[in-house]
Amino acid sequence: MLKPLNDRVVLKVVEEAEKTVGGFVLASASQEKPQVAEVVAVGPGKFSHGNRIEPAVAVGDRVAFEKFAGNEVKDGDETYLIVREKEILAIID
């Protein structure tokens, strides 16, 4: 398993089949990169003025992230996205 450092977060992108209003499934080429993911690991946070600032996200949170954020990394058969916490836009309830 990946263990992120500092303010980095490991995400597992949630892939959902997109459908049009009429119920047609869109081809993968016409879909944009998904921007919703589940947090699978969180670093300890970054240092600022000698104090560690803990991340605002936790393992299990569903989050929205910037469109071209992070780097894809393979771990076995799984593909993850490693992003900085500032690239996460919101926690989805």
Protein backbone atom coordinates (compact mmCIF):
# COMPACT_ATOMS: atom_id res chain seq x y z
CA MET A 1 0.00 0.00 0.00
CA LEU A 2 1.12 3.54 -0.68
CA LYS A 3 1.98 5.74 2.31
CA PRO A 4 1.88 9.43 1.34
CA LEU A 5 4.30 11.98 2.77
CA ASN A 6 3.60 15.47 4.13
CA ASP A 7 0.44 17.03 2.66
CA ARG A 8 -0.12 14.43 -0.03
CA VAL A 9 -3.27 12.30 -0.32
CA VAL A 10 -3.77 9.00 -2.18
CA LEU A 11 -7.08 8.82 -4.06
CA LYS A 12 -8.94 5.97 -5.77
CA VAL A 13 -10.89 7.54 -8.63
CA VAL A 14 -14.59 6.66 -8.66
CA GLU A 15 -15.51 5.61 -12.19
CA GLU A 16 -19.16 5.90 -13.02
CA ALA A 17 -20.73 5.17 -16.38
CA GLU A 18 -22.13 8.40 -17.71
CA LYS A 19 -25.53 8.37 -19.34
CA THR A 20 -27.38 10.98 -21.30
CA VAL A 21 -30.90 12.06 -20.42
CA GLY A 22 -32.19 9.48 -22.91
CA GLY A 23 -30.28 6.69 -21.15
CA PHE A 24 -27.49 6.22 -23.69
CA VAL A 25 -24.09 5.32 -22.24
CA LEU A 26 -21.38 7.67 -23.50
CA ALA A 27 -18.25 6.25 -25.11
CA SER A 28 -15.14 6.59 -22.95
CA ALA A 29 -13.50 8.90 -25.51
CA SER A 30 -16.31 11.43 -25.10
CA GLN A 31 -16.16 11.44 -21.30
CA GLU A 32 -13.99 13.81 -19.34
CA LYS A 33 -11.64 12.55 -16.62
CA PRO A 34 -13.67 11.78 -13.47
CA GLN A 35 -13.16 14.32 -10.73
CA VAL A 36 -14.59 12.37 -7.80
CA ALA A 37 -12.50 9.97 -5.73
CA GLU A 38 -12.30 8.16 -2.42
CA VAL A 39 -9.43 8.96 -0.06
CA VAL A 40 -7.46 5.75 0.64
CA ALA A 41 -4.43 7.21 2.48
CA VAL A 42 -3.46 10.57 3.97
CA GLY A 43 -0.03 11.95 4.81
CA PRO A 44 0.68 13.40 8.27
CA GLY A 45 0.34 17.00 7.05
CA LYS A 46 2.77 19.78 6.26
CA PHE A 47 4.88 21.96 8.52
CA SER A 48 4.24 25.68 8.80
CA HIS A 49 6.29 27.84 11.18
CA GLY A 50 7.45 24.75 13.07
CA ASN A 51 3.95 23.34 13.60
CA ARG A 52 2.44 20.42 11.71
CA ILE A 53 -0.90 21.24 10.09
CA GLU A 54 -3.08 18.12 9.98
CA PRO A 55 -4.98 17.40 6.73
CA ALA A 56 -8.67 18.28 6.53
CA VAL A 57 -9.52 14.99 4.76
CA ALA A 58 -9.61 11.48 6.20
CA VAL A 59 -9.51 7.96 4.81
CA GLY A 60 -12.94 7.05 3.41
CA ASP A 61 -13.95 10.60 2.45
CA ARG A 62 -15.36 11.15 -1.06
CA VAL A 63 -13.78 14.23 -2.54
CA ALA A 64 -13.87 16.42 -5.64
CA PHE A 65 -10.46 17.33 -7.03
CA GLU A 66 -8.99 19.60 -9.69
CA LYS A 67 -9.29 18.31 -13.26
CA PHE A 68 -5.60 17.74 -14.00
CA ALA A 69 -4.41 17.20 -10.43
CA GLY A 70 -1.77 14.80 -9.20
CA ASN A 71 0.13 11.86 -10.59
CA GLU A 72 -1.20 8.41 -11.41
CA VAL A 73 0.63 5.54 -9.72
CA LYS A 74 0.10 1.79 -10.11
CA ASP A 75 0.31 -0.47 -7.06
CA GLY A 76 -0.24 -4.04 -8.19
CA ASP A 77 -3.39 -4.12 -10.31
CA GLU A 78 -4.79 -0.89 -8.82
CA THR A 79 -4.23 2.63 -10.14
CA TYR A 80 -4.19 5.51 -7.66
CA LEU A 81 -3.87 9.26 -7.91
CA ILE A 82 -1.48 11.07 -5.56
CA VAL A 83 -2.43 14.72 -5.06
CA ARG A 84 -1.48 17.55 -2.73
CA GLU A 85 -4.19 18.42 -0.26
CA LYS A 86 -4.60 21.88 -1.85
CA GLU A 87 -5.68 20.19 -5.12
CA ILE A 88 -8.75 18.76 -3.34
CA LEU A 89 -11.67 21.13 -3.81
CA ALA A 90 -14.33 19.70 -1.50
CA ILE A 91 -15.46 16.78 0.63
CA ILE A 92 -18.68 15.27 -0.74
CA ASP A 93 -21.26 14.26 1.89
